[in-house]
Structures are given as C-alpha cells and as structure tokens.
Amino acid sequence: MSNLKMYCLTLEPSHINYIESLGYTPVGLGDKKFPNNCLSDKKDRNISEKNKNYGEYTFHYWLWKNHLENLEQKWIGFCQYRKFWSLNFTPNEKLDLKNLKDKALREIPAEFNEFEVILGDPFFVNKRKIMKFLKKGFPLIISNPQILFNKKARNIKFHFDLMHGRNNLDKAIDLLNDQNKEDFRKFVNDEVSFNPHNMFICKSKKLLKSYYDDIFPWLENCERLFGFEDLKGYGLTRIYGFLAERFMSYWFKKNSNYKELPILFHDINNHLK
C-alpha cells in the first residue's frame, strides 16, 4: 500500500480515469458536472463559489472543514491536471500520457522520512529578462531604478507588485496575525524565489491543519480589502490564490523541515478532451 495520498485537481470530467490510473484521487473543480463519487469542493461546508478567485484553495478549504480529521496518517499531497510531482525533472516535450505514468510520483521514498514537507523546486523571480520587467512595470521601475541593476531588489514583493497590483501584497500582509505578519513581510522583501503552483506534500495532518488555521482566516480578512467585484484581469481575479502561493512557501519553510522536488509540466487535457 502506498504511503502517499495524492489529490489531483482538475476542471475536466474526462480526466478522471487517467488520474485514477496514476493511483491518485481525482478532485473536480469548476463549473462542469462530475460524477457523484468524485471528490468536489461543492459538498458540505464549502466556498466553491469563490473558485475563480481562490483556485485550488476552495478544495483545501473543503478538506480543512469536512475531511481532514478522517484522513489516514500518511503523506498528503496535491497536484493538478497539468502539473505533477516527480523525483527527476523531464521537459514537457519529452512527456506523453504513457511515460508520465512512469515518472509521476507514486510513493515517498524512505530516505525522505526525515522531512515533514515536500515543496516544488523554487521559481526565481529575478531571472526574468529586463525587457519583460520594463514592459510590464515601467512606473514601478521608475520609482525604484535599482531594480534594473540589483538582482536582489527584484524580490518576491517586487514581482507581486508587478503582476498583481502595486502595494497589494503589503496591504494584505498588514491583515495577517501577529505570529506571521513581520516574518512574512521580511520573507517577501528578502527572498528572490518561492515554491510555485500551490503544490505541496505534507507528512502530518496536524501540521497541515496548522497551516490551514493560519491561511484561511487571513484570506478571509483579505476579502474585506480586495472584495470580488472589482478584480479585473487574471492577475487580480486570482489574487487570493497568488497570495496563498507566496504564503505557502514562507509558512512551510518557517514551520517544517522541508525538501524540494521537481514539478513536471504536461497538460493531460491536450490528450483527454
């Protein structure tokens, strides 16, 4: 029996059989109709109506409120229909439905037992080309020209301001609890990378619950700041998911012994429509 419970989130009912063939549990999100035996964010206590703004976190909320205590004590992981965990990186152009089955993570190796959390390999925000920064955020760069010459100035906060609205991250951090507020602010100002895609694998239900107990009250506070009606464009519409993505990296690095693994990019929707 596998020591890993992996939830694979998808928007397409046609993906269910393939996801199950990986030994994963399919989770249906979005507006399409999924079979009754497929996990969903729409049953029991839920915030499924916020999915377009929260992304993956509407399922995390469902798990937190309805099912977490019932899980077996094993590694609990999350992936997506186009992003999968692996022990070794393989470029997208060398992946297909067949070899993805061989490469996707099915079991956590025994040598990982010293770790509590697995995060995806980091995304370095300061490695993007200068012209992309200029094109996207010229006013932001004019206000702080050192961004062009000092890679350390191109930190998580700068990248969030660039992609999701200037000063929105600072405003959101102001709403955090005292245990995390200043530590998270330091993290986004000091670090130039984060672990992307809201993907993680957690060894302990207790640790996972602690994470949920911190992040969801914060996101609810942020709703009173940003709301929903005025969120235009992808960078703002999904702002709650993007806030969670940065906070996830910070929180697990602060509170656990973690390891990083590659995430494979292969959209199974290209084959299973």
C-alpha atoms as a PDB file:
ATOM      1  CA  MET A   1       0.000   0.000   0.000  1.00  0.00           C
ATOM      2  CA  SER A   2       1.304   3.434  -0.932  1.00  0.00           C
ATOM      3  CA  ASN A   3       2.423   5.799   1.818  1.00  0.00           C
ATOM      4  CA  LEU A   4       1.083   8.734  -0.241  1.00  0.00           C
ATOM      5  CA  LYS A   5      -2.444  10.104  -0.602  1.00  0.00           C
ATOM      6  CA  MET A   6      -2.288  12.330  -3.673  1.00  0.00           C
ATOM      7  CA  TYR A   7      -5.197  14.569  -4.671  1.00  0.00           C
ATOM      8  CA  CYS A   8      -5.158  15.601  -8.329  1.00  0.00           C
ATOM      9  CA  LEU A   9      -7.290  18.656  -9.083  1.00  0.00           C
ATOM     10  CA  THR A  10      -8.943  19.000 -12.474  1.00  0.00           C
ATOM     11  CA  LEU A  11     -11.585  21.008 -14.303  1.00  0.00           C
ATOM     12  CA  GLU A  12     -12.468  18.200 -16.731  1.00  0.00           C
ATOM     13  CA  PRO A  13     -14.544  15.055 -16.015  1.00  0.00           C
ATOM     14  CA  SER A  14     -12.744  13.315 -18.909  1.00  0.00           C
ATOM     15  CA  HIS A  15      -9.558  13.271 -16.825  1.00  0.00           C
ATOM     16  CA  ILE A  16     -10.898  11.082 -14.032  1.00  0.00           C
ATOM     17  CA  ASN A  17      -9.927   7.655 -15.407  1.00  0.00           C
ATOM     18  CA  TYR A  18      -6.385   8.742 -16.184  1.00  0.00           C
ATOM     19  CA  ILE A  19      -5.919  10.353 -12.774  1.00  0.00           C
ATOM     20  CA  GLU A  20      -7.143   7.160 -11.096  1.00  0.00           C
ATOM     21  CA  SER A  21      -4.707   5.130 -13.213  1.00  0.00           C
ATOM     22  CA  LEU A  22      -1.898   7.060 -11.509  1.00  0.00           C
ATOM     23  CA  GLY A  23      -3.208   5.897  -8.146  1.00  0.00           C
ATOM     24  CA  TYR A  24      -4.348   9.442  -7.357  1.00  0.00           C
ATOM     25  CA  THR A  25      -7.687  10.716  -6.063  1.00  0.00           C
ATOM     26  CA  PRO A  26      -9.389  12.986  -8.631  1.00  0.00           C
ATOM     27  CA  VAL A  27     -10.971  16.220  -7.412  1.00  0.00           C
ATOM     28  CA  GLY A  28     -13.428  18.035  -9.663  1.00  0.00           C
ATOM     29  CA  LEU A  29     -13.399  21.829  -9.517  1.00  0.00           C
ATOM     30  CA  GLY A  30     -15.099  24.496 -11.594  1.00  0.00           C
ATOM     31  CA  ASP A  31     -18.492  24.566 -13.291  1.00  0.00           C
ATOM     32  CA  LYS A  32     -18.622  21.217 -15.099  1.00  0.00           C
ATOM     33  CA  LYS A  33     -20.604  18.273 -13.745  1.00  0.00           C
ATOM     34  CA  PHE A  34     -18.565  15.465 -12.215  1.00  0.00           C
ATOM     35  CA  PRO A  35     -19.791  12.021 -11.120  1.00  0.00           C
ATOM     36  CA  ASN A  36     -21.184  11.828  -7.597  1.00  0.00           C
ATOM     37  CA  ASN A  37     -18.336   9.565  -6.496  1.00  0.00           C
ATOM     38  CA  CYS A  38     -15.716  12.166  -7.468  1.00  0.00           C
ATOM     39  CA  LEU A  39     -14.450  14.437  -4.726  1.00  0.00           C
ATOM     40  CA  SER A  40     -15.566  18.028  -5.073  1.00  0.00           C
ATOM     41  CA  ASP A  41     -15.339  21.392  -3.336  1.00  0.00           C
ATOM     42  CA  LYS A  42     -19.123  21.810  -3.596  1.00  0.00           C
ATOM     43  CA  LYS A  43     -20.378  19.454  -0.862  1.00  0.00           C
ATOM     44  CA  ASP A  44     -20.854  20.046   2.863  1.00  0.00           C
ATOM     45  CA  ARG A  45     -19.268  23.240   4.197  1.00  0.00           C
ATOM     46  CA  ASN A  46     -17.572  24.955   1.262  1.00  0.00           C
ATOM     47  CA  ILE A  47     -16.571  28.138  -0.584  1.00  0.00           C
ATOM     48  CA  SER A  48     -16.839  26.650  -4.091  1.00  0.00           C
ATOM     49  CA  GLU A  49     -18.439  29.847  -5.418  1.00  0.00           C
ATOM     50  CA  LYS A  50     -15.056  31.547  -4.932  1.00  0.00           C
ATOM     51  CA  ASN A  51     -13.143  29.077  -7.103  1.00  0.00           C
ATOM     52  CA  LYS A  52     -12.317  31.543  -9.882  1.00  0.00           C
ATOM     53  CA  ASN A  53     -10.673  33.769  -7.254  1.00  0.00           C
ATOM     54  CA  TYR A  54      -9.217  31.161  -4.893  1.00  0.00           C
ATOM     55  CA  GLY A  55      -8.239  28.459  -7.401  1.00  0.00           C
ATOM     56  CA  GLU A  56      -7.020  25.294  -5.654  1.00  0.00           C
ATOM     57  CA  TYR A  57      -7.796  26.693  -2.239  1.00  0.00           C
ATOM     58  CA  THR A  58     -11.534  26.087  -2.498  1.00  0.00           C
ATOM     59  CA  PHE A  59     -10.670  22.387  -2.258  1.00  0.00           C
ATOM     60  CA  HIS A  60      -8.193  22.994   0.550  1.00  0.00           C
ATOM     61  CA  TYR A  61     -10.993  24.791   2.412  1.00  0.00           C
ATOM     62  CA  TRP A  62     -13.339  21.833   1.857  1.00  0.00           C
ATOM     63  CA  LEU A  63     -10.675  19.437   3.125  1.00  0.00           C
ATOM     64  CA  TRP A  64      -9.999  21.614   6.177  1.00  0.00           C
ATOM     65  CA  LYS A  65     -13.650  21.924   7.155  1.00  0.00           C
ATOM     66  CA  ASN A  66     -15.011  18.481   6.252  1.00  0.00           C
ATOM     67  CA  HIS A  67     -12.494  15.699   5.829  1.00  0.00           C
ATOM     68  CA  LEU A  68      -9.051  16.375   7.257  1.00  0.00           C
ATOM     69  CA  GLU A  69      -9.578  14.541  10.548  1.00  0.00           C
ATOM     70  CA  ASN A  70     -10.768  11.419   8.665  1.00  0.00           C
ATOM     71  CA  LEU A  71      -7.603  11.020   6.605  1.00  0.00           C
ATOM     72  CA  GLU A  72      -5.167   8.206   7.240  1.00  0.00           C
ATOM     73  CA  GLN A  73      -1.885   9.230   8.786  1.00  0.00           C
ATOM     74  CA  LYS A  74       0.303   9.225   5.661  1.00  0.00           C
ATOM     75  CA  TRP A  75       1.831  11.733   3.279  1.00  0.00           C
ATOM     76  CA  ILE A  76      -0.894  14.020   1.873  1.00  0.00           C
ATOM     77  CA  GLY A  77      -0.138  15.640  -1.483  1.00  0.00           C
ATOM     78  CA  PHE A  78      -1.700  17.910  -4.084  1.00  0.00           C
ATOM     79  CA  CYS A  79      -1.121  18.140  -7.820  1.00  0.00           C
ATOM     80  CA  GLN A  80      -3.026  19.360 -10.887  1.00  0.00           C
ATOM     81  CA  TYR A  81      -4.078  18.006 -14.262  1.00  0.00           C
ATOM     82  CA  ARG A  82      -1.145  19.787 -15.896  1.00  0.00           C
ATOM     83  CA  LYS A  83       1.432  19.750 -13.101  1.00  0.00           C
ATOM     84  CA  PHE A  84       2.735  16.564 -11.478  1.00  0.00           C
ATOM     85  CA  TRP A  85       5.382  15.645  -8.898  1.00  0.00           C
ATOM     86  CA  SER A  86       8.425  13.591  -9.871  1.00  0.00           C
ATOM     87  CA  LEU A  87      11.742  12.548  -8.370  1.00  0.00           C
ATOM     88  CA  ASN A  88      13.513  13.771 -11.517  1.00  0.00           C
ATOM     89  CA  PHE A  89      12.752  16.577 -13.948  1.00  0.00           C
ATOM     90  CA  THR A  90      11.705  15.800 -17.522  1.00  0.00           C
ATOM     91  CA  PRO A  91      10.953  18.570 -20.054  1.00  0.00           C
ATOM     92  CA  ASN A  92       7.380  18.818 -21.294  1.00  0.00           C
ATOM     93  CA  GLU A  93       8.332  17.976 -24.894  1.00  0.00           C
ATOM     94  CA  LYS A  94       9.630  14.582 -23.754  1.00  0.00           C
ATOM     95  CA  LEU A  95       6.457  13.662 -21.850  1.00  0.00           C
ATOM     96  CA  ASP A  96       3.345  11.851 -23.014  1.00  0.00           C
ATOM     97  CA  LEU A  97       0.479  10.087 -21.259  1.00  0.00           C
ATOM     98  CA  LYS A  98       2.372   6.807 -21.176  1.00  0.00           C
ATOM     99  CA  ASN A  99       5.734   7.870 -19.771  1.00  0.00           C
ATOM    100  CA  LEU A 100       4.095  10.366 -17.415  1.00  0.00           C
ATOM    101  CA  LYS A 101       2.668   7.345 -15.602  1.00  0.00           C
ATOM    102  CA  ASP A 102       6.208   6.064 -15.068  1.00  0.00           C
ATOM    103  CA  LYS A 103       7.613   9.396 -13.964  1.00  0.00           C
ATOM    104  CA  ALA A 104       4.818  10.737 -11.727  1.00  0.00           C
ATOM    105  CA  LEU A 105       5.438  10.312  -8.019  1.00  0.00           C
ATOM    106  CA  ARG A 106       3.523   7.359  -6.519  1.00  0.00           C
ATOM    107  CA  GLU A 107       5.439   6.688  -3.309  1.00  0.00           C
ATOM    108  CA  ILE A 108       7.532   8.801  -0.952  1.00  0.00           C
ATOM    109  CA  PRO A 109      10.998   7.228  -0.640  1.00  0.00           C
ATOM    110  CA  ALA A 110      12.029   6.040   2.806  1.00  0.00           C
ATOM    111  CA  GLU A 111      15.009   8.402   2.782  1.00  0.00           C
ATOM    112  CA  PHE A 112      12.559  11.334   2.859  1.00  0.00           C
ATOM    113  CA  ASN A 113      11.264  10.332   6.288  1.00  0.00           C
ATOM    114  CA  GLU A 114      13.421  12.961   7.981  1.00  0.00           C
ATOM    115  CA  PHE A 115      11.376  15.649   6.195  1.00  0.00           C
ATOM    116  CA  GLU A 116       7.908  16.910   7.067  1.00  0.00           C
ATOM    117  CA  VAL A 117       7.011  18.687   3.832  1.00  0.00           C
ATOM    118  CA  ILE A 118       7.890  18.495   0.148  1.00  0.00           C
ATOM    119  CA  LEU A 119       7.760  21.707  -1.900  1.00  0.00           C
ATOM    120  CA  GLY A 120       8.252  22.276  -5.615  1.00  0.00           C
ATOM    121  CA  ASP A 121      11.594  23.438  -6.951  1.00  0.00           C
ATOM    122  CA  PRO A 122      11.813  27.218  -6.498  1.00  0.00           C
ATOM    123  CA  PHE A 123      10.824  29.790  -9.100  1.00  0.00           C
ATOM    124  CA  PHE A 124      13.355  32.649  -9.202  1.00  0.00           C
ATOM    125  CA  VAL A 125      11.550  35.904  -9.876  1.00  0.00           C
ATOM    126  CA  ASN A 126      14.782  37.833 -10.509  1.00  0.00           C
ATOM    127  CA  LYS A 127      15.807  35.721 -13.510  1.00  0.00           C
ATOM    128  CA  ARG A 128      13.227  37.131 -15.909  1.00  0.00           C
ATOM    129  CA  LYS A 129      14.568  39.292 -18.739  1.00  0.00           C
ATOM    130  CA  ILE A 130      14.864  43.003 -18.011  1.00  0.00           C
ATOM    131  CA  MET A 131      12.710  43.877 -21.031  1.00  0.00           C
ATOM    132  CA  LYS A 132       9.800  41.929 -19.539  1.00  0.00           C
ATOM    133  CA  PHE A 133      10.076  43.950 -16.349  1.00  0.00           C
ATOM    134  CA  LEU A 134      10.177  47.195 -18.337  1.00  0.00           C
ATOM    135  CA  LYS A 135       7.200  46.245 -20.466  1.00  0.00           C
ATOM    136  CA  LYS A 136       5.043  45.182 -17.550  1.00  0.00           C
ATOM    137  CA  GLY A 137       6.019  47.640 -14.844  1.00  0.00           C
ATOM    138  CA  PHE A 138       7.740  50.756 -16.158  1.00  0.00           C
ATOM    139  CA  PRO A 139       6.193  53.078 -13.498  1.00  0.00           C
ATOM    140  CA  LEU A 140       7.241  50.663 -10.765  1.00  0.00           C
ATOM    141  CA  ILE A 141      10.819  50.602 -12.028  1.00  0.00           C
ATOM    142  CA  ILE A 142      10.969  54.393 -12.387  1.00  0.00           C
ATOM    143  CA  SER A 143      10.049  54.656  -8.699  1.00  0.00           C
ATOM    144  CA  ASN A 144      12.937  52.316  -7.793  1.00  0.00           C
ATOM    145  CA  PRO A 145      15.588  52.258 -10.587  1.00  0.00           C
ATOM    146  CA  GLN A 146      17.930  49.961  -8.629  1.00  0.00           C
ATOM    147  CA  ILE A 147      15.612  47.123  -9.695  1.00  0.00           C
ATOM    148  CA  LEU A 148      17.366  47.255 -13.087  1.00  0.00           C
ATOM    149  CA  PHE A 149      20.861  46.873 -11.645  1.00  0.00           C
ATOM    150  CA  ASN A 150      20.453  44.929  -8.415  1.00  0.00           C
ATOM    151  CA  LYS A 151      19.006  41.430  -8.750  1.00  0.00           C
ATOM    152  CA  LYS A 152      18.319  41.288  -5.021  1.00  0.00           C
ATOM    153  CA  ALA A 153      15.931  44.221  -5.434  1.00  0.00           C
ATOM    154  CA  ARG A 154      13.857  42.036  -7.755  1.00  0.00           C
ATOM    155  CA  ASN A 155      12.395  40.208  -4.796  1.00  0.00           C
ATOM    156  CA  ILE A 156       9.063  38.476  -4.184  1.00  0.00           C
ATOM    157  CA  LYS A 157       7.406  41.754  -3.224  1.00  0.00           C
ATOM    158  CA  PHE A 158       8.563  43.465  -6.428  1.00  0.00           C
ATOM    159  CA  HIS A 159       7.326  40.556  -8.524  1.00  0.00           C
ATOM    160  CA  PHE A 160       3.924  40.555  -6.788  1.00  0.00           C
ATOM    161  CA  ASP A 161       3.597  44.332  -7.230  1.00  0.00           C
ATOM    162  CA  LEU A 162       4.452  43.871 -10.893  1.00  0.00           C
ATOM    163  CA  MET A 163       1.994  41.049 -11.566  1.00  0.00           C
ATOM    164  CA  HIS A 164      -0.839  41.582  -9.084  1.00  0.00           C
ATOM    165  CA  GLY A 165      -1.081  45.259  -8.247  1.00  0.00           C
ATOM    166  CA  ARG A 166       1.289  47.692  -6.617  1.00  0.00           C
ATOM    167  CA  ASN A 167       1.327  47.543  -2.801  1.00  0.00           C
ATOM    168  CA  ASN A 168      -1.404  44.879  -2.710  1.00  0.00           C
ATOM    169  CA  LEU A 169       0.925  42.416  -1.010  1.00  0.00           C
ATOM    170  CA  ASP A 170       1.864  44.940   1.689  1.00  0.00           C
ATOM    171  CA  LYS A 171      -1.791  45.728   2.322  1.00  0.00           C
ATOM    172  CA  ALA A 172      -2.587  42.026   2.627  1.00  0.00           C
ATOM    173  CA  ILE A 173       0.329  41.389   4.996  1.00  0.00           C
ATOM    174  CA  ASP A 174      -0.988  44.137   7.271  1.00  0.00           C
ATOM    175  CA  LEU A 175      -4.019  41.877   7.862  1.00  0.00           C
ATOM    176  CA  LEU A 176      -2.006  38.837   8.993  1.00  0.00           C
ATOM    177  CA  ASN A 177      -1.911  37.627  12.583  1.00  0.00           C
ATOM    178  CA  ASP A 178       0.953  38.764  14.805  1.00  0.00           C
ATOM    179  CA  GLN A 179       2.681  35.378  14.629  1.00  0.00           C
ATOM    180  CA  ASN A 180       3.307  35.743  10.903  1.00  0.00           C
ATOM    181  CA  LYS A 181       2.975  39.388   9.903  1.00  0.00           C
ATOM    182  CA  GLU A 182       6.529  40.664  10.235  1.00  0.00           C
ATOM    183  CA  ASP A 183       8.183  37.334   9.409  1.00  0.00           C
ATOM    184  CA  PHE A 184       6.227  37.084   6.153  1.00  0.00           C
ATOM    185  CA  ARG A 185       6.968  40.724   5.325  1.00  0.00           C
ATOM    186  CA  LYS A 186      10.676  40.039   5.797  1.00  0.00           C
ATOM    187  CA  PHE A 187      10.408  36.910   3.646  1.00  0.00           C
ATOM    188  CA  VAL A 188       8.882  38.696   0.636  1.00  0.00           C
ATOM    189  CA  ASN A 189      11.389  41.554   0.881  1.00  0.00           C
ATOM    190  CA  ASP A 190      14.474  39.365   1.364  1.00  0.00           C
ATOM    191  CA  GLU A 191      13.784  36.381  -0.893  1.00  0.00           C
ATOM    192  CA  VAL A 192      14.036  36.278  -4.687  1.00  0.00           C
ATOM    193  CA  SER A 193      12.314  32.898  -5.137  1.00  0.00           C
ATOM    194  CA  PHE A 194       9.266  30.996  -3.949  1.00  0.00           C
ATOM    195  CA  ASN A 195       7.911  27.475  -4.368  1.00  0.00           C
ATOM    196  CA  PRO A 196       5.220  27.755  -7.039  1.00  0.00           C
ATOM    197  CA  HIS A 197       1.812  26.427  -8.087  1.00  0.00           C
ATOM    198  CA  ASN A 198       0.265  25.995  -4.639  1.00  0.00           C
ATOM    199  CA  MET A 199       1.580  22.434  -4.633  1.00  0.00           C
ATOM    200  CA  PHE A 200       2.959  20.686  -1.581  1.00  0.00           C
ATOM    201  CA  ILE A 201       3.077  17.282   0.102  1.00  0.00           C
ATOM    202  CA  CYS A 202       2.671  17.196   3.876  1.00  0.00           C
ATOM    203  CA  LYS A 203       3.562  14.320   6.192  1.00  0.00           C
ATOM    204  CA  SER A 204       1.422  15.348   9.156  1.00  0.00           C
ATOM    205  CA  LYS A 205      -2.302  16.072   9.410  1.00  0.00           C
ATOM    206  CA  LYS A 206      -1.516  18.193  12.455  1.00  0.00           C
ATOM    207  CA  LEU A 207       0.928  20.358  10.506  1.00  0.00           C
ATOM    208  CA  LEU A 208      -1.497  20.677   7.609  1.00  0.00           C
ATOM    209  CA  LYS A 209      -4.277  21.771   9.957  1.00  0.00           C
ATOM    210  CA  SER A 210      -1.986  24.399  11.495  1.00  0.00           C
ATOM    211  CA  TYR A 211      -1.294  25.758   8.031  1.00  0.00           C
ATOM    212  CA  TYR A 212      -4.988  25.928   7.197  1.00  0.00           C
ATOM    213  CA  ASP A 213      -5.723  27.559  10.561  1.00  0.00           C
ATOM    214  CA  ASP A 214      -3.376  30.393   9.606  1.00  0.00           C
ATOM    215  CA  ILE A 215      -4.070  30.894   5.933  1.00  0.00           C
ATOM    216  CA  PHE A 216      -7.857  30.820   5.708  1.00  0.00           C
ATOM    217  CA  PRO A 217      -8.612  33.483   8.347  1.00  0.00           C
ATOM    218  CA  TRP A 218      -6.034  35.677   6.619  1.00  0.00           C
ATOM    219  CA  LEU A 219      -7.576  35.199   3.167  1.00  0.00           C
ATOM    220  CA  GLU A 220     -10.998  35.972   4.647  1.00  0.00           C
ATOM    221  CA  ASN A 221      -9.593  39.222   6.049  1.00  0.00           C
ATOM    222  CA  CYS A 222      -8.185  39.995   2.600  1.00  0.00           C
ATOM    223  CA  GLU A 223     -11.649  39.582   1.079  1.00  0.00           C
ATOM    224  CA  ARG A 224     -12.783  42.621   3.041  1.00  0.00           C
ATOM    225  CA  LEU A 225      -9.911  44.560   1.495  1.00  0.00           C
ATOM    226  CA  PHE A 226      -9.993  43.409  -2.144  1.00  0.00           C
ATOM    227  CA  GLY A 227     -13.538  42.068  -2.470  1.00  0.00           C
ATOM    228  CA  PHE A 228     -14.516  40.264  -5.683  1.00  0.00           C
ATOM    229  CA  GLU A 229     -16.444  42.583  -7.996  1.00  0.00           C
ATOM    230  CA  ASP A 230     -13.572  44.910  -8.939  1.00  0.00           C
ATOM    231  CA  LEU A 231     -10.954  42.218  -9.597  1.00  0.00           C
ATOM    232  CA  LYS A 232     -10.232  42.582 -13.314  1.00  0.00           C
ATOM    233  CA  GLY A 233      -7.703  40.592 -15.334  1.00  0.00           C
ATOM    234  CA  TYR A 234      -6.100  37.275 -14.404  1.00  0.00           C
ATOM    235  CA  GLY A 235      -3.502  38.812 -12.063  1.00  0.00           C
ATOM    236  CA  LEU A 236      -6.200  40.330  -9.850  1.00  0.00           C
ATOM    237  CA  THR A 237      -9.066  37.874 -10.358  1.00  0.00           C
ATOM    238  CA  ARG A 238      -6.931  35.120  -8.803  1.00  0.00           C
ATOM    239  CA  ILE A 239      -5.282  37.339  -6.208  1.00  0.00           C
ATOM    240  CA  TYR A 240      -6.284  35.103  -3.282  1.00  0.00           C
ATOM    241  CA  GLY A 241      -4.613  32.127  -4.909  1.00  0.00           C
ATOM    242  CA  PHE A 242      -1.481  34.156  -5.622  1.00  0.00           C
ATOM    243  CA  LEU A 243      -1.331  35.435  -2.037  1.00  0.00           C
ATOM    244  CA  ALA A 244      -1.653  31.846  -0.832  1.00  0.00           C
ATOM    245  CA  GLU A 245       1.132  30.731  -3.175  1.00  0.00           C
ATOM    246  CA  ARG A 246       3.650  33.121  -1.603  1.00  0.00           C
ATOM    247  CA  PHE A 247       2.428  32.458   1.935  1.00  0.00           C
ATOM    248  CA  MET A 248       2.663  28.690   1.446  1.00  0.00           C
ATOM    249  CA  SER A 249       6.391  28.912   0.675  1.00  0.00           C
ATOM    250  CA  TYR A 250       7.030  31.116   3.685  1.00  0.00           C
ATOM    251  CA  TRP A 251       4.877  29.147   6.139  1.00  0.00           C
ATOM    252  CA  PHE A 252       6.221  25.671   5.457  1.00  0.00           C
ATOM    253  CA  LYS A 253       9.813  26.883   5.354  1.00  0.00           C
ATOM    254  CA  LYS A 254       9.315  28.541   8.713  1.00  0.00           C
ATOM    255  CA  ASN A 255       7.455  25.692  10.380  1.00  0.00           C
ATOM    256  CA  SER A 256       8.849  22.466   8.949  1.00  0.00           C
ATOM    257  CA  ASN A 257      11.860  20.533   7.792  1.00  0.00           C
ATOM    258  CA  TYR A 258      11.294  20.531   4.034  1.00  0.00           C
ATOM    259  CA  LYS A 259      12.673  19.074   0.818  1.00  0.00           C
ATOM    260  CA  GLU A 260      12.214  20.327  -2.739  1.00  0.00           C
ATOM    261  CA  LEU A 261      11.306  18.180  -5.754  1.00  0.00           C
ATOM    262  CA  PRO A 262      10.742  18.857  -9.471  1.00  0.00           C
ATOM    263  CA  ILE A 263       7.271  19.516 -10.848  1.00  0.00           C
ATOM    264  CA  LEU A 264       6.577  18.159 -14.324  1.00  0.00           C
ATOM    265  CA  PHE A 265       4.504  20.276 -16.722  1.00  0.00           C
ATOM    266  CA  HIS A 266       2.265  18.248 -19.013  1.00  0.00           C
ATOM    267  CA  ASP A 267      -1.343  19.191 -19.697  1.00  0.00           C
ATOM    268  CA  ILE A 268      -3.298  15.942 -19.954  1.00  0.00           C
ATOM    269  CA  ASN A 269      -6.194  17.966 -21.359  1.00  0.00           C
ATOM    270  CA  ASN A 270      -4.281  18.029 -24.662  1.00  0.00           C
ATOM    271  CA  HIS A 271      -4.917  14.282 -24.915  1.00  0.00           C
ATOM    272  CA  LEU A 272      -8.121  13.718 -22.933  1.00  0.00           C
ATOM    273  CA  LYS A 273     -10.819  16.114 -24.116  1.00  0.00           C
END
